[in-house]
Amino acid sequence: MKFLLSIIFVFSIVIQTQAQVDHTGFFDGAFKTGQDVTAACLDCHEGVGQELIHTRHWKWMPPEGSKSTIGKRNIINDFCIATPTNMTMCSKCHIGYGWKDKSFDFTNEKNVDCLICHDQTGTYNKLPKGGIVDPKVDLIKVAESVGLSTRKNCGTCHFNGGGGPGVKHGDLDPSLYKPSKELDVHMGGQDFQCTECHTTEEHKISGASHGSIEAGENLISCLDCHDEDVHAKSILNKHIASVACETCHIPAFAREMPTKVWWDWSQAGKDKKDKKDKYGKSTFNKKKGDFVWGKNVVPTYAWFNGSAKYYHLGDKIDPSKVVELNKLNGSIADKNAKIAPFKVMKGKQPYDSKNNTMIVPHLVGKDGYWKTFDWKKSAEIGMKSVGLDFSGSVGFVETRMYWPINHMVAPADKALKCMACHGKKSQHRLDWKALGYPGDPLRSGGRVKNKLVKN
């Protein structure tokens, strides 16, 4: 099996090398805007613009035909909360130019940003002004450098999701630009680029997004490359039916850089001093509130069948309970579910305390909260932008959100040992009873033996 994977990897490298084309000297004169570069790209790459404007990366919504109706454009999270009315800031990481408000034309392929995914100079930069190109960028130099997407291209946005390094994802941060084998056996040990696993066809990138997880679509798995008999010991292979590969092979996340695990918006606007934690990270920002960071975090484990139920704008909440912004689907009875690892992001964020709905706040700009520190005004603007009623009353409610842990795969010799989850001397990493077992399955048997699985 290892020999076969090596052949596949080498073949992939050969294909990528052959696909690279030196663009030096392709362009005459100077480019004034990013759109000028895109026009030059589309002169040769016919049809690519139309491919791109139908992707999730462009729309920030599920593709046509999806069972889901949510995406980055209409979801609530517990980081910067929502994109509506905040696009001048958020669209710095959009694969387009000029998305500032609802007037943005999603059918105009000339606004596609080719360089954000294909620059190889490392000098390309966009501004939080609708995602326009930083005037300091040498567009000719960048355009001539283009090549197949690398971790640097993808990581520019995905390693800094939520507003900075390691804020959103616990398993994606700048330490993966040049990781060691110990940090990630694929990216560090074999120099995998993101597209090795997130395969792409017609610019449609495989892998989960909010909408695809809600619908259980477009998922990728370790078993796409590894077969179910990958272990020498049969007892380990039997685990695959109920335990995700990542559960054993990612013992902890945020192993080199800390990740944010708590964000309390109720403390924003106060005149407090920022205190650095033991990792040197800020624990307070007047614009954003209080933070808690974690490092070498042991994941939270839960049954997961690849889909989840998300909070939809306007849904009623019970403020006496923690609001789950995405409830994982799956249980011990679900034959398609496996025990999988997650980063659980917790915090407090604004809600309409009379209507009992989550608030979409307006944060950026002269009337945004980060200028006015007025939650009521921020809520009025944000809720109006999404067509929802706002009572004028703002409260704060605790929220929770689950983020899958799929990266930072450790080498095999660093994977969890049996006693990490089983036995009297175990670290009790897994709470067997909370997962639905009568006890440790090493003694009481698995879910099939105990007839806990429904066909």
Protein backbone atom coordinates (compact mmCIF):
# COMPACT_ATOMS: atom_id res chain seq x y z
CA MET A 1 0.00 0.00 0.00
CA LYS A 2 2.82 2.40 0.92
CA PHE A 3 4.54 1.61 -2.39
CA LEU A 4 1.34 2.35 -4.32
CA LEU A 5 0.88 5.70 -2.53
CA SER A 6 4.50 6.61 -3.34
CA ILE A 7 3.85 5.94 -7.03
CA ILE A 8 0.70 8.07 -6.95
CA PHE A 9 2.57 10.91 -5.24
CA VAL A 10 5.50 10.84 -7.69
CA PHE A 11 3.09 10.73 -10.64
CA SER A 12 1.26 13.73 -9.19
CA ILE A 13 4.52 15.68 -8.91
CA VAL A 14 5.37 14.87 -12.54
CA ILE A 15 1.97 16.08 -13.72
CA GLN A 16 2.29 19.30 -11.73
CA THR A 17 5.80 19.96 -13.07
CA GLN A 18 4.63 19.48 -16.66
CA ALA A 19 1.64 21.75 -16.08
CA GLN A 20 3.76 24.71 -14.93
CA VAL A 21 4.27 27.29 -17.69
CA ASP A 22 6.76 30.13 -17.47
CA HIS A 23 4.78 33.33 -18.07
CA THR A 24 7.81 35.60 -18.24
CA GLY A 25 7.42 38.01 -21.15
CA PHE A 26 3.77 37.14 -21.73
CA PHE A 27 2.53 40.62 -20.94
CA ASP A 28 3.18 43.96 -22.66
CA GLY A 29 3.05 47.21 -20.71
CA ALA A 30 1.86 47.70 -17.16
CA PHE A 31 -1.31 46.62 -15.41
CA LYS A 32 -3.23 49.32 -13.56
CA THR A 33 -5.71 47.04 -11.79
CA GLY A 34 -6.24 43.43 -10.88
CA GLN A 35 -9.08 43.32 -13.40
CA ASP A 36 -6.52 44.16 -16.11
CA VAL A 37 -4.57 41.04 -15.15
CA THR A 38 -7.72 38.93 -15.19
CA ALA A 39 -8.59 40.17 -18.69
CA ALA A 40 -5.13 39.09 -19.88
CA CYS A 41 -5.53 35.68 -18.22
CA LEU A 42 -8.91 35.08 -19.82
CA ASP A 43 -7.56 35.92 -23.28
CA CYS A 44 -5.72 32.61 -23.20
CA HIS A 45 -7.65 30.62 -20.59
CA GLU A 46 -11.01 30.67 -22.31
CA GLY A 47 -13.95 29.46 -20.28
CA VAL A 48 -12.11 29.63 -16.95
CA GLY A 49 -13.97 32.77 -15.88
CA GLN A 50 -17.30 31.01 -16.32
CA GLU A 51 -16.01 28.03 -14.38
CA LEU A 52 -14.97 30.20 -11.47
CA ILE A 53 -18.14 32.24 -11.09
CA HIS A 54 -20.09 29.03 -10.46
CA THR A 55 -17.87 27.82 -7.61
CA ARG A 56 -18.36 28.01 -3.85
CA HIS A 57 -15.15 30.02 -3.56
CA TRP A 58 -16.72 32.73 -5.73
CA LYS A 59 -20.29 32.64 -4.49
CA TRP A 60 -19.57 31.90 -0.82
CA MET A 61 -22.74 29.84 -1.13
CA PRO A 62 -23.49 26.22 -2.11
CA PRO A 63 -23.44 25.39 -5.83
CA GLU A 64 -26.60 24.90 -7.85
CA GLY A 65 -28.31 21.63 -7.00
CA SER A 66 -27.07 21.50 -3.40
CA LYS A 67 -29.48 20.51 -0.65
CA SER A 68 -28.11 23.31 1.50
CA THR A 69 -29.06 26.98 1.43
CA ILE A 70 -26.30 28.35 3.62
CA GLY A 71 -22.80 29.60 3.00
CA LYS A 72 -20.37 32.17 4.25
CA ARG A 73 -22.71 34.93 3.06
CA ASN A 74 -25.61 34.05 5.36
CA ILE A 75 -24.17 32.04 8.22
CA ILE A 76 -23.70 33.06 11.86
CA ASN A 77 -20.40 32.11 13.51
CA ASP A 78 -18.80 32.92 16.85
CA PHE A 79 -15.76 34.73 15.47
CA CYS A 80 -16.54 37.95 13.58
CA ILE A 81 -20.16 36.72 13.55
CA ALA A 82 -21.38 37.49 9.99
CA THR A 83 -20.32 38.89 6.63
CA PRO A 84 -23.38 41.02 5.66
CA THR A 85 -22.56 44.77 5.77
CA ASN A 86 -18.96 43.89 6.62
CA MET A 87 -17.82 42.88 3.16
CA THR A 88 -15.25 45.65 2.75
CA MET A 89 -13.23 43.77 5.37
CA CYS A 90 -14.25 40.16 4.69
CA SER A 91 -13.75 40.27 0.92
CA LYS A 92 -10.01 40.69 1.33
CA CYS A 93 -10.11 36.90 1.19
CA HIS A 94 -12.61 36.63 -1.66
CA ILE A 95 -11.37 35.39 -5.05
CA GLY A 96 -12.63 38.58 -6.64
CA TYR A 97 -12.27 42.34 -6.78
CA GLY A 98 -14.67 45.00 -5.49
CA TRP A 99 -17.16 43.11 -3.32
CA LYS A 100 -18.25 45.84 -0.91
CA ASP A 101 -22.02 45.46 -0.72
CA LYS A 102 -25.08 43.88 -2.34
CA SER A 103 -24.40 45.64 -5.63
CA PHE A 104 -21.50 43.29 -6.42
CA ASP A 105 -22.11 41.51 -9.73
CA PHE A 106 -21.49 37.79 -9.27
CA THR A 107 -21.96 37.19 -13.01
CA ASN A 108 -19.04 39.42 -14.02
CA GLU A 109 -16.05 37.15 -14.62
CA LYS A 110 -13.80 40.18 -15.14
CA ASN A 111 -13.85 40.69 -11.37
CA VAL A 112 -12.35 37.25 -10.73
CA ASP A 113 -9.00 37.42 -8.95
CA CYS A 114 -6.67 34.88 -10.57
CA LEU A 115 -3.62 36.01 -8.63
CA ILE A 116 -4.78 35.27 -5.10
CA CYS A 117 -4.62 31.55 -5.90
CA HIS A 118 -1.75 31.51 -8.41
CA ASP A 119 0.86 34.11 -7.39
CA GLN A 120 4.25 32.51 -6.75
CA THR A 121 6.21 35.59 -5.64
CA GLY A 122 4.71 35.77 -2.17
CA THR A 123 4.33 39.54 -2.63
CA TYR A 124 0.69 39.68 -3.65
CA ASN A 125 -1.58 41.45 -1.19
CA LYS A 126 -5.17 42.70 -1.08
CA LEU A 127 -6.60 45.45 1.05
CA PRO A 128 -9.65 45.33 3.36
CA LYS A 129 -11.38 47.76 1.02
CA GLY A 130 -13.46 45.33 -0.96
CA GLY A 131 -10.49 43.14 -1.81
CA ILE A 132 -8.72 45.54 -4.14
CA VAL A 133 -5.03 45.03 -4.88
CA ASP A 134 -2.53 46.81 -2.68
CA PRO A 135 -1.03 49.59 -4.86
CA LYS A 136 2.44 48.50 -3.72
CA VAL A 137 2.11 45.19 -5.59
CA ASP A 138 4.07 44.85 -8.84
CA LEU A 139 1.31 43.31 -10.95
CA ILE A 140 3.58 42.48 -13.91
CA LYS A 141 6.00 40.61 -11.67
CA VAL A 142 3.17 38.72 -9.97
CA ALA A 143 1.37 37.90 -13.23
CA GLU A 144 4.57 36.52 -14.74
CA SER A 145 5.11 34.31 -11.71
CA VAL A 146 1.81 32.42 -11.79
CA GLY A 147 1.75 28.68 -11.27
CA LEU A 148 -0.25 25.90 -9.67
CA SER A 149 -1.69 26.73 -6.27
CA THR A 150 0.50 26.00 -3.25
CA ARG A 151 0.02 25.93 0.51
CA LYS A 152 1.14 29.55 0.50
CA ASN A 153 -1.74 30.53 -1.78
CA CYS A 154 -4.38 28.62 0.16
CA GLY A 155 -2.91 29.49 3.53
CA THR A 156 -2.97 33.22 2.90
CA CYS A 157 -6.67 33.07 3.72
CA HIS A 158 -7.30 29.71 5.34
CA PHE A 159 -4.40 29.86 7.81
CA ASN A 160 -5.64 33.27 8.96
CA GLY A 161 -9.38 32.67 9.08
CA GLY A 162 -11.35 34.62 11.66
CA GLY A 163 -9.01 37.59 11.59
CA GLY A 164 -5.54 36.20 12.26
CA PRO A 165 -3.20 33.19 12.58
CA GLY A 166 -4.94 30.21 14.13
CA VAL A 167 -8.01 32.17 15.17
CA LYS A 168 -10.70 30.08 13.50
CA HIS A 169 -9.19 26.69 12.77
CA GLY A 170 -7.19 24.76 15.30
CA ASP A 171 -5.52 22.64 12.63
CA LEU A 172 -4.78 25.34 10.05
CA ASP A 173 -2.27 28.08 10.82
CA PRO A 174 0.97 29.54 9.40
CA SER A 175 3.05 26.76 10.99
CA LEU A 176 1.89 24.65 8.01
CA TYR A 177 3.70 26.81 5.46
CA LYS A 178 6.90 24.91 6.20
CA PRO A 179 5.89 22.17 8.63
CA SER A 180 8.05 19.41 10.03
CA LYS A 181 7.11 15.78 9.47
CA GLU A 182 6.18 15.62 13.15
CA LEU A 183 3.65 18.45 12.75
CA ASP A 184 2.04 17.07 9.60
CA VAL A 185 3.19 13.85 8.00
CA HIS A 186 1.71 14.79 4.61
CA MET A 187 2.57 18.47 4.27
CA GLY A 188 5.85 18.20 6.16
CA GLY A 189 6.86 14.62 5.47
CA GLN A 190 5.96 14.55 1.75
CA ASP A 191 5.52 18.26 0.95
CA PHE A 192 1.89 17.80 -0.04
CA GLN A 193 0.17 20.86 -1.41
CA CYS A 194 -3.47 21.36 -0.45
CA THR A 195 -4.71 20.12 -3.82
CA GLU A 196 -3.20 16.68 -3.22
CA CYS A 197 -6.27 15.95 -1.07
CA HIS A 198 -8.57 18.79 -2.07
CA THR A 199 -8.66 17.69 -5.68
CA THR A 200 -9.98 20.16 -8.21
CA GLU A 201 -11.95 19.91 -11.44
CA GLU A 202 -13.05 22.98 -13.40
CA HIS A 203 -11.94 25.04 -10.40
CA LYS A 204 -14.41 23.23 -8.14
CA ILE A 205 -12.39 22.27 -5.06
CA SER A 206 -13.35 19.15 -3.14
CA GLY A 207 -13.76 19.37 0.61
CA ALA A 208 -16.24 20.54 3.17
CA SER A 209 -17.62 24.02 3.60
CA HIS A 210 -20.50 25.08 5.85
CA GLY A 211 -23.09 24.40 3.15
CA SER A 212 -21.61 21.07 2.14
CA ILE A 213 -21.45 19.89 5.77
CA GLU A 214 -25.08 20.90 6.28
CA ALA A 215 -26.01 18.81 3.27
CA GLY A 216 -23.42 16.07 3.77
CA GLU A 217 -22.00 16.78 0.29
CA ASN A 218 -18.56 17.18 -1.29
CA LEU A 219 -16.75 15.52 1.61
CA ILE A 220 -13.27 14.05 1.41
CA SER A 221 -11.81 11.32 3.57
CA CYS A 222 -8.51 9.67 4.49
CA LEU A 223 -9.99 6.55 2.94
CA ASP A 224 -10.00 8.26 -0.46
CA CYS A 225 -6.31 7.34 -0.58
CA HIS A 226 -5.82 4.78 2.20
CA ASP A 227 -7.68 1.48 2.15
CA GLU A 228 -9.40 0.04 5.22
CA ASP A 229 -6.66 -2.56 5.72
CA VAL A 230 -3.90 0.02 6.06
CA HIS A 231 -2.78 -1.23 9.50
CA ALA A 232 -0.69 -4.33 10.04
CA LYS A 233 -2.85 -5.24 13.05
CA SER A 234 -6.38 -6.31 12.19
CA ILE A 235 -7.75 -4.97 15.49
CA LEU A 236 -6.80 -1.45 14.37
CA ASN A 237 -8.45 -1.91 10.99
CA LYS A 238 -11.67 -2.93 12.75
CA HIS A 239 -11.73 0.47 14.47
CA ILE A 240 -12.24 2.20 11.12
CA ALA A 241 -15.92 1.24 11.07
CA SER A 242 -16.61 3.42 14.12
CA VAL A 243 -13.58 5.67 14.61
CA ALA A 244 -12.39 8.35 12.18
CA CYS A 245 -8.73 8.08 11.21
CA GLU A 246 -8.12 11.60 12.55
CA THR A 247 -9.21 10.55 16.06
CA CYS A 248 -6.08 8.46 16.54
CA HIS A 249 -3.72 10.23 14.15
CA ILE A 250 -4.25 13.82 15.37
CA PRO A 251 -3.66 13.52 19.14
CA ALA A 252 -3.71 17.31 19.58
CA PHE A 253 -4.14 20.41 17.46
CA ALA A 254 -2.57 23.87 17.60
CA ARG A 255 0.68 22.10 18.39
CA GLU A 256 3.02 24.92 17.39
CA MET A 257 0.85 28.03 17.37
CA PRO A 258 -2.05 28.74 19.77
CA THR A 259 -5.64 28.84 18.61
CA LYS A 260 -8.51 30.92 19.95
CA VAL A 261 -10.99 28.88 22.00
CA TRP A 262 -13.12 31.61 23.64
CA TRP A 263 -14.36 34.96 22.29
CA ASP A 264 -16.57 37.09 24.52
CA TRP A 265 -18.16 39.98 22.59
CA SER A 266 -20.00 41.16 25.72
CA GLN A 267 -16.74 42.70 26.97
CA ALA A 268 -16.19 44.77 23.82
CA GLY A 269 -16.39 48.52 24.17
CA LYS A 270 -15.00 48.53 27.69
CA ASP A 271 -11.90 50.44 28.71
CA LYS A 272 -9.76 47.58 29.95
CA LYS A 273 -6.08 46.89 29.56
CA ASP A 274 -4.96 44.09 27.30
CA LYS A 275 -3.01 41.38 29.12
CA LYS A 276 -0.80 38.95 27.25
CA ASP A 277 -1.29 35.29 28.13
CA LYS A 278 1.44 32.66 28.52
CA TYR A 279 1.62 32.31 24.74
CA GLY A 280 2.10 36.04 24.24
CA LYS A 281 -1.39 36.42 22.79
CA SER A 282 -3.77 39.29 23.53
CA THR A 283 -6.64 38.51 25.89
CA PHE A 284 -8.61 41.71 25.26
CA ASN A 285 -9.37 44.09 22.43
CA LYS A 286 -11.81 46.97 22.87
CA LYS A 287 -13.31 46.34 19.44
CA LYS A 288 -13.78 42.62 19.97
CA GLY A 289 -13.88 41.77 23.67
CA ASP A 290 -12.14 39.04 25.69
CA PHE A 291 -10.20 36.07 24.30
CA VAL A 292 -8.79 32.79 25.58
CA TRP A 293 -6.18 30.87 23.62
CA GLY A 294 -5.12 27.23 23.76
CA LYS A 295 -2.11 25.25 22.59
CA ASN A 296 -1.58 21.51 22.23
CA VAL A 297 -5.32 21.20 22.63
CA VAL A 298 -6.85 17.74 23.03
CA PRO A 299 -9.83 17.56 20.64
CA THR A 300 -13.43 17.14 21.69
CA TYR A 301 -14.81 13.85 20.36
CA ALA A 302 -18.29 13.30 19.00
CA TRP A 303 -20.24 11.04 16.66
CA PHE A 304 -20.33 12.58 13.19
CA ASN A 305 -21.82 11.31 9.93
CA GLY A 306 -20.45 14.14 7.80
CA SER A 307 -23.41 16.47 8.15
CA ALA A 308 -24.65 19.06 10.62
CA LYS A 309 -27.62 21.28 11.31
CA TYR A 310 -26.70 24.97 11.24
CA TYR A 311 -28.37 27.97 12.79
CA HIS A 312 -30.24 29.85 10.06
CA LEU A 313 -30.77 33.59 10.20
CA GLY A 314 -34.00 34.33 12.03
CA ASP A 315 -34.20 31.03 13.90
CA LYS A 316 -35.49 31.36 17.45
CA ILE A 317 -33.11 30.50 20.30
CA ASP A 318 -33.45 29.67 23.99
CA PRO A 319 -31.12 32.18 25.70
CA SER A 320 -31.16 30.14 28.92
CA LYS A 321 -29.09 27.51 27.10
CA VAL A 322 -25.85 27.54 25.13
CA VAL A 323 -26.74 28.18 21.48
CA GLU A 324 -25.23 25.56 19.20
CA LEU A 325 -24.52 27.29 15.91
CA ASN A 326 -23.95 23.94 14.25
CA LYS A 327 -25.29 20.73 15.72
CA LEU A 328 -23.40 17.66 14.57
CA ASN A 329 -25.48 14.89 13.05
CA GLY A 330 -24.65 11.36 14.08
CA SER A 331 -24.94 9.03 17.04
CA ILE A 332 -23.85 5.60 18.17
CA ALA A 333 -26.99 4.27 16.44
CA ASP A 334 -26.04 5.80 13.08
CA LYS A 335 -24.09 3.23 11.05
CA ASN A 336 -22.64 6.04 8.92
CA ALA A 337 -21.31 7.97 11.92
CA LYS A 338 -17.83 7.73 13.39
CA ILE A 339 -16.19 9.15 16.49
CA ALA A 340 -14.35 12.20 15.17
CA PRO A 341 -12.25 15.05 16.64
CA PHE A 342 -13.33 18.69 16.81
CA LYS A 343 -12.23 22.07 18.00
CA VAL A 344 -15.12 23.49 20.00
CA MET A 345 -15.17 27.27 19.77
CA LYS A 346 -17.07 28.95 22.61
CA GLY A 347 -17.98 32.52 23.39
CA LYS A 348 -20.67 35.13 23.93
CA GLN A 349 -22.23 37.18 21.18
CA PRO A 350 -25.15 39.59 20.70
CA TYR A 351 -28.74 38.47 20.29
CA ASP A 352 -32.10 40.22 20.16
CA SER A 353 -33.27 39.73 23.74
CA LYS A 354 -36.95 40.32 22.88
CA ASN A 355 -37.22 38.44 19.60
CA ASN A 356 -34.77 35.74 20.75
CA THR A 357 -32.85 35.68 17.49
CA MET A 358 -29.12 35.95 16.86
CA ILE A 359 -27.97 39.39 15.72
CA VAL A 360 -26.06 40.16 12.52
CA PRO A 361 -23.95 43.15 13.62
CA HIS A 362 -22.56 45.88 11.39
CA LEU A 363 -18.92 46.13 12.47
CA VAL A 364 -16.84 48.04 9.90
CA GLY A 365 -17.06 51.56 8.50
CA LYS A 366 -18.00 54.90 10.01
CA ASP A 367 -21.33 53.60 11.38
CA GLY A 368 -19.93 50.22 12.40
CA TYR A 369 -19.53 49.03 15.95
CA TRP A 370 -15.74 49.28 15.75
CA LYS A 371 -16.19 53.07 15.38
CA THR A 372 -19.32 53.79 17.43
CA PHE A 373 -19.24 51.06 20.10
CA ASP A 374 -23.02 51.23 19.88
CA TRP A 375 -24.50 47.71 19.76
CA LYS A 376 -28.04 48.95 19.12
CA LYS A 377 -27.05 50.97 16.07
CA SER A 378 -24.81 48.15 14.85
CA ALA A 379 -27.71 45.68 15.15
CA GLU A 380 -30.20 47.97 13.42
CA ILE A 381 -27.95 48.27 10.35
CA GLY A 382 -26.96 44.61 10.27
CA MET A 383 -30.42 43.15 10.75
CA LYS A 384 -31.93 45.47 8.17
CA SER A 385 -29.32 44.29 5.66
CA VAL A 386 -30.58 40.71 5.95
CA GLY A 387 -34.27 41.62 6.10
CA LEU A 388 -34.83 40.67 9.73
CA ASP A 389 -36.74 42.49 12.43
CA PHE A 390 -34.81 44.00 15.34
CA SER A 391 -36.61 44.90 18.56
CA GLY A 392 -34.01 47.41 19.72
CA SER A 393 -32.94 45.27 22.66
CA VAL A 394 -29.48 43.68 22.71
CA GLY A 395 -28.37 40.93 25.06
CA PHE A 396 -25.52 38.42 25.02
CA VAL A 397 -25.80 34.66 24.88
CA GLU A 398 -23.21 31.91 25.09
CA THR A 399 -22.60 30.05 21.84
CA ARG A 400 -20.77 26.96 20.72
CA MET A 401 -19.52 25.91 17.31
CA TYR A 402 -17.81 22.69 16.14
CA TRP A 403 -14.87 22.83 13.74
CA PRO A 404 -13.60 19.51 12.31
CA ILE A 405 -9.96 18.60 12.92
CA ASN A 406 -8.48 17.08 9.75
CA HIS A 407 -4.97 18.52 9.45
CA MET A 408 -1.76 18.25 11.51
CA VAL A 409 -1.71 14.48 11.04
CA ALA A 410 1.10 13.06 13.16
CA PRO A 411 3.46 10.27 12.02
CA ALA A 412 2.26 6.74 12.75
CA ASP A 413 4.58 6.34 15.74
CA LYS A 414 3.02 9.45 17.31
CA ALA A 415 -0.56 8.24 16.91
CA LEU A 416 -2.58 7.49 20.03
CA LYS A 417 -1.80 4.20 21.69
CA CYS A 418 -4.53 1.82 22.87
CA MET A 419 -4.30 2.89 26.50
CA ALA A 420 -5.02 6.50 25.61
CA CYS A 421 -8.68 5.51 25.37
CA HIS A 422 -8.91 2.02 26.89
CA GLY A 423 -8.02 0.34 30.13
CA LYS A 424 -7.92 1.19 33.82
CA LYS A 425 -4.83 3.31 33.44
CA SER A 426 -6.15 5.20 30.43
CA GLN A 427 -6.15 8.95 30.24
CA HIS A 428 -9.91 8.66 29.70
CA ARG A 429 -9.58 10.66 26.49
CA LEU A 430 -12.93 9.29 25.38
CA ASP A 431 -16.01 9.42 27.61
CA TRP A 432 -17.51 6.11 26.59
CA LYS A 433 -20.81 6.54 28.39
CA ALA A 434 -21.30 10.03 26.95
CA LEU A 435 -20.72 8.48 23.51
CA GLY A 436 -23.51 5.96 24.19
CA TYR A 437 -21.56 2.85 25.16
CA PRO A 438 -22.40 0.88 28.33
CA GLY A 439 -18.72 1.18 29.24
CA ASP A 440 -15.29 0.81 27.73
CA PRO A 441 -15.95 -1.30 24.58
CA LEU A 442 -12.68 -3.13 25.22
CA ARG A 443 -14.55 -4.86 28.02
CA SER A 444 -18.22 -4.47 27.18
CA GLY A 445 -17.98 -4.83 23.40
CA GLY A 446 -18.57 -2.48 20.50
CA ARG A 447 -21.75 -0.94 19.21
CA VAL A 448 -22.53 -3.85 16.88
CA LYS A 449 -22.10 -6.50 19.57
CA ASN A 450 -24.32 -4.46 21.90
CA LYS A 451 -26.91 -4.02 19.12
CA LEU A 452 -26.70 -0.25 19.39
CA VAL A 453 -26.55 0.35 15.63
CA LYS A 454 -29.72 0.77 13.64
CA ASN A 455 -29.72 -0.58 10.08
